[in-house]
Amino acid sequence: VQLVESGGGLVQAGGSLRLSCAASGGTFGRYTGWFHQAPEKEREFVAAISFSGVNTYYPDSVKGRFTISRDNAKNTVYLQMNSLKPEDTAVYYCAVGRFGRVDFRPIEYDYWGQGTQVTVSS
């Protein structure tokens, strides 16, 4: 499975970005997540979605601002980010997890993209 993220960039605080994660295949039945990592910080969970798309999960820090969705016909997962804050600045990674119950821990994800930089200016 290969993952390619796109859609990152520079945006002012309060602005929006939409990230995309295109998968080469092999994701059937697996959940997918987004994580971010700022310099000198650990990788943090941002959002996750079940394969069906019915179930989504967010930490409190992004709840109400970020929305994860997927189009399985296109093998693509999206992350719509609204009301961006400077503290959202980080490299954003998408990752494909395993089968079954969605997990939020990076160790439970088998495949990772190269990441896309998101920078939010104040």
C-alpha atoms as a PDB file:
ATOM      1  CA  VAL A   1       0.000   0.000   0.000  1.00  0.00           C
ATOM      2  CA  GLN A   2       1.339   3.404  -0.942  1.00  0.00           C
ATOM      3  CA  LEU A   3      -0.149   6.630   0.381  1.00  0.00           C
ATOM      4  CA  VAL A   4       0.298  10.087  -1.084  1.00  0.00           C
ATOM      5  CA  GLU A   5      -0.856  13.158   0.802  1.00  0.00           C
ATOM      6  CA  SER A   6      -1.573  16.505  -0.820  1.00  0.00           C
ATOM      7  CA  GLY A   7      -3.241  19.794  -0.020  1.00  0.00           C
ATOM      8  CA  GLY A   8      -0.905  21.223   2.571  1.00  0.00           C
ATOM      9  CA  GLY A   9       0.350  24.777   2.488  1.00  0.00           C
ATOM     10  CA  LEU A  10       0.496  28.139   4.206  1.00  0.00           C
ATOM     11  CA  VAL A  11      -2.720  29.678   5.505  1.00  0.00           C
ATOM     12  CA  GLN A  12      -3.628  32.464   7.884  1.00  0.00           C
ATOM     13  CA  ALA A  13      -5.228  31.749  11.222  1.00  0.00           C
ATOM     14  CA  GLY A  14      -8.944  31.202  10.783  1.00  0.00           C
ATOM     15  CA  GLY A  15      -8.483  29.841   7.294  1.00  0.00           C
ATOM     16  CA  SER A  16      -9.146  26.407   5.850  1.00  0.00           C
ATOM     17  CA  LEU A  17      -7.299  23.644   4.054  1.00  0.00           C
ATOM     18  CA  ARG A  18      -8.385  20.304   2.654  1.00  0.00           C
ATOM     19  CA  LEU A  19      -5.893  17.475   2.742  1.00  0.00           C
ATOM     20  CA  SER A  20      -6.194  14.405   0.537  1.00  0.00           C
ATOM     21  CA  CYS A  21      -4.680  10.981   0.963  1.00  0.00           C
ATOM     22  CA  ALA A  22      -4.683   8.772  -2.117  1.00  0.00           C
ATOM     23  CA  ALA A  23      -4.017   5.078  -1.596  1.00  0.00           C
ATOM     24  CA  SER A  24      -2.675   2.694  -4.197  1.00  0.00           C
ATOM     25  CA  GLY A  25      -4.865  -0.108  -2.949  1.00  0.00           C
ATOM     26  CA  GLY A  26      -5.004  -2.808  -0.314  1.00  0.00           C
ATOM     27  CA  THR A  27      -7.074  -0.721   2.058  1.00  0.00           C
ATOM     28  CA  PHE A  28     -10.281  -2.706   1.863  1.00  0.00           C
ATOM     29  CA  GLY A  29     -11.770  -3.163   5.309  1.00  0.00           C
ATOM     30  CA  ARG A  30      -9.110  -1.068   7.049  1.00  0.00           C
ATOM     31  CA  TYR A  31      -9.587   2.113   9.012  1.00  0.00           C
ATOM     32  CA  THR A  32      -7.592   5.231   8.118  1.00  0.00           C
ATOM     33  CA  GLY A  33      -6.282   8.029  10.258  1.00  0.00           C
ATOM     34  CA  TRP A  34      -4.572  11.379  10.133  1.00  0.00           C
ATOM     35  CA  PHE A  35      -1.778  12.357  12.497  1.00  0.00           C
ATOM     36  CA  HIS A  36       0.385  15.417  12.811  1.00  0.00           C
ATOM     37  CA  GLN A  37       3.856  16.037  14.113  1.00  0.00           C
ATOM     38  CA  ALA A  38       5.346  19.385  15.017  1.00  0.00           C
ATOM     39  CA  PRO A  39       9.121  19.881  15.384  1.00  0.00           C
ATOM     40  CA  GLU A  40      10.516  18.167  18.482  1.00  0.00           C
ATOM     41  CA  LYS A  41       7.107  16.797  19.418  1.00  0.00           C
ATOM     42  CA  GLU A  42       5.579  13.356  19.240  1.00  0.00           C
ATOM     43  CA  ARG A  43       3.243  12.310  16.473  1.00  0.00           C
ATOM     44  CA  GLU A  44      -0.329  13.017  17.552  1.00  0.00           C
ATOM     45  CA  PHE A  45      -3.677  11.611  16.517  1.00  0.00           C
ATOM     46  CA  VAL A  46      -5.871  14.051  14.589  1.00  0.00           C
ATOM     47  CA  ALA A  47      -8.738  12.033  13.128  1.00  0.00           C
ATOM     48  CA  ALA A  48      -9.749   8.527  12.111  1.00  0.00           C
ATOM     49  CA  ILE A  49     -12.486   6.947  10.042  1.00  0.00           C
ATOM     50  CA  SER A  50     -13.776   3.431   9.710  1.00  0.00           C
ATOM     51  CA  PHE A  51     -13.650   1.752   6.326  1.00  0.00           C
ATOM     52  CA  SER A  52     -17.393   2.183   5.880  1.00  0.00           C
ATOM     53  CA  GLY A  53     -17.096   5.867   6.703  1.00  0.00           C
ATOM     54  CA  VAL A  54     -19.873   5.611   9.249  1.00  0.00           C
ATOM     55  CA  ASN A  55     -17.672   6.080  12.299  1.00  0.00           C
ATOM     56  CA  THR A  56     -15.325   9.024  12.784  1.00  0.00           C
ATOM     57  CA  TYR A  57     -13.146   9.996  15.720  1.00  0.00           C
ATOM     58  CA  TYR A  58     -11.394  13.185  16.783  1.00  0.00           C
ATOM     59  CA  PRO A  59      -9.474  14.435  19.798  1.00  0.00           C
ATOM     60  CA  ASP A  60     -10.961  17.407  21.624  1.00  0.00           C
ATOM     61  CA  SER A  61      -8.317  19.713  20.157  1.00  0.00           C
ATOM     62  CA  VAL A  62      -9.817  19.489  16.651  1.00  0.00           C
ATOM     63  CA  LYS A  63     -13.396  18.423  17.287  1.00  0.00           C
ATOM     64  CA  GLY A  64     -15.796  20.799  15.558  1.00  0.00           C
ATOM     65  CA  ARG A  65     -13.051  22.199  13.313  1.00  0.00           C
ATOM     66  CA  PHE A  66     -11.777  19.161  11.383  1.00  0.00           C
ATOM     67  CA  THR A  67     -13.791  16.647   9.392  1.00  0.00           C
ATOM     68  CA  ILE A  68     -12.506  13.364   8.044  1.00  0.00           C
ATOM     69  CA  SER A  69     -14.262  11.645   5.148  1.00  0.00           C
ATOM     70  CA  ARG A  70     -13.521   9.035   2.520  1.00  0.00           C
ATOM     71  CA  ASP A  71     -14.428   8.020  -0.986  1.00  0.00           C
ATOM     72  CA  ASN A  72     -13.698   4.320  -1.304  1.00  0.00           C
ATOM     73  CA  ALA A  73     -14.401   4.350  -5.033  1.00  0.00           C
ATOM     74  CA  LYS A  74     -11.415   6.678  -5.364  1.00  0.00           C
ATOM     75  CA  ASN A  75      -9.340   5.079  -2.581  1.00  0.00           C
ATOM     76  CA  THR A  76      -9.028   8.541  -1.086  1.00  0.00           C
ATOM     77  CA  VAL A  77      -9.445   9.916   2.416  1.00  0.00           C
ATOM     78  CA  TYR A  78      -9.864  13.623   3.091  1.00  0.00           C
ATOM     79  CA  LEU A  79      -9.288  15.920   6.034  1.00  0.00           C
ATOM     80  CA  GLN A  80     -11.174  19.197   5.912  1.00  0.00           C
ATOM     81  CA  MET A  81      -9.574  21.639   8.338  1.00  0.00           C
ATOM     82  CA  ASN A  82     -11.443  24.810   9.249  1.00  0.00           C
ATOM     83  CA  SER A  83     -10.771  27.600  11.744  1.00  0.00           C
ATOM     84  CA  LEU A  84      -7.092  26.773  11.668  1.00  0.00           C
ATOM     85  CA  LYS A  85      -4.880  27.931  14.506  1.00  0.00           C
ATOM     86  CA  PRO A  86      -1.113  28.508  14.653  1.00  0.00           C
ATOM     87  CA  GLU A  87      -0.833  25.486  16.956  1.00  0.00           C
ATOM     88  CA  ASP A  88      -2.133  23.313  14.094  1.00  0.00           C
ATOM     89  CA  THR A  89       1.164  23.918  12.300  1.00  0.00           C
ATOM     90  CA  ALA A  90       2.819  20.543  11.690  1.00  0.00           C
ATOM     91  CA  VAL A  91       3.512  17.877   9.118  1.00  0.00           C
ATOM     92  CA  TYR A  92       0.317  15.926   8.535  1.00  0.00           C
ATOM     93  CA  TYR A  93       0.448  12.207   7.797  1.00  0.00           C
ATOM     94  CA  CYS A  94      -2.243   9.845   6.717  1.00  0.00           C
ATOM     95  CA  ALA A  95      -1.981   6.239   7.745  1.00  0.00           C
ATOM     96  CA  VAL A  96      -3.849   3.032   7.080  1.00  0.00           C
ATOM     97  CA  GLY A  97      -4.628   0.912  10.065  1.00  0.00           C
ATOM     98  CA  ARG A  98      -5.758  -2.624  10.561  1.00  0.00           C
ATOM     99  CA  PHE A  99      -9.048  -4.416  10.433  1.00  0.00           C
ATOM    100  CA  GLY A 100     -11.721  -4.086  13.039  1.00  0.00           C
ATOM    101  CA  ARG A 101     -12.014  -1.523  15.760  1.00  0.00           C
ATOM    102  CA  VAL A 102     -10.463   1.886  15.053  1.00  0.00           C
ATOM    103  CA  ASP A 103      -7.371   2.639  17.102  1.00  0.00           C
ATOM    104  CA  PHE A 104      -5.748   6.004  17.810  1.00  0.00           C
ATOM    105  CA  ARG A 105      -2.223   4.838  18.515  1.00  0.00           C
ATOM    106  CA  PRO A 106       0.376   5.255  15.745  1.00  0.00           C
ATOM    107  CA  ILE A 107       1.714   1.773  16.437  1.00  0.00           C
ATOM    108  CA  GLU A 108      -1.590   0.301  15.270  1.00  0.00           C
ATOM    109  CA  TYR A 109      -1.180   1.724  11.761  1.00  0.00           C
ATOM    110  CA  ASP A 110       0.636  -0.345   9.156  1.00  0.00           C
ATOM    111  CA  TYR A 111       1.157   2.088   6.279  1.00  0.00           C
ATOM    112  CA  TRP A 112       2.163   5.740   6.292  1.00  0.00           C
ATOM    113  CA  GLY A 113       2.424   8.512   3.739  1.00  0.00           C
ATOM    114  CA  GLN A 114       5.359  10.886   3.442  1.00  0.00           C
ATOM    115  CA  GLY A 115       3.480  13.781   4.993  1.00  0.00           C
ATOM    116  CA  THR A 116       2.412  17.230   3.896  1.00  0.00           C
ATOM    117  CA  GLN A 117       3.372  20.462   5.645  1.00  0.00           C
ATOM    118  CA  VAL A 118       0.648  22.681   7.058  1.00  0.00           C
ATOM    119  CA  THR A 119       1.690  26.104   8.317  1.00  0.00           C
ATOM    120  CA  VAL A 120      -0.773  28.458   9.973  1.00  0.00           C
ATOM    121  CA  SER A 121       0.385  32.032  10.425  1.00  0.00           C
ATOM    122  CA  SER A 122      -0.941  34.280  13.157  1.00  0.00           C
END
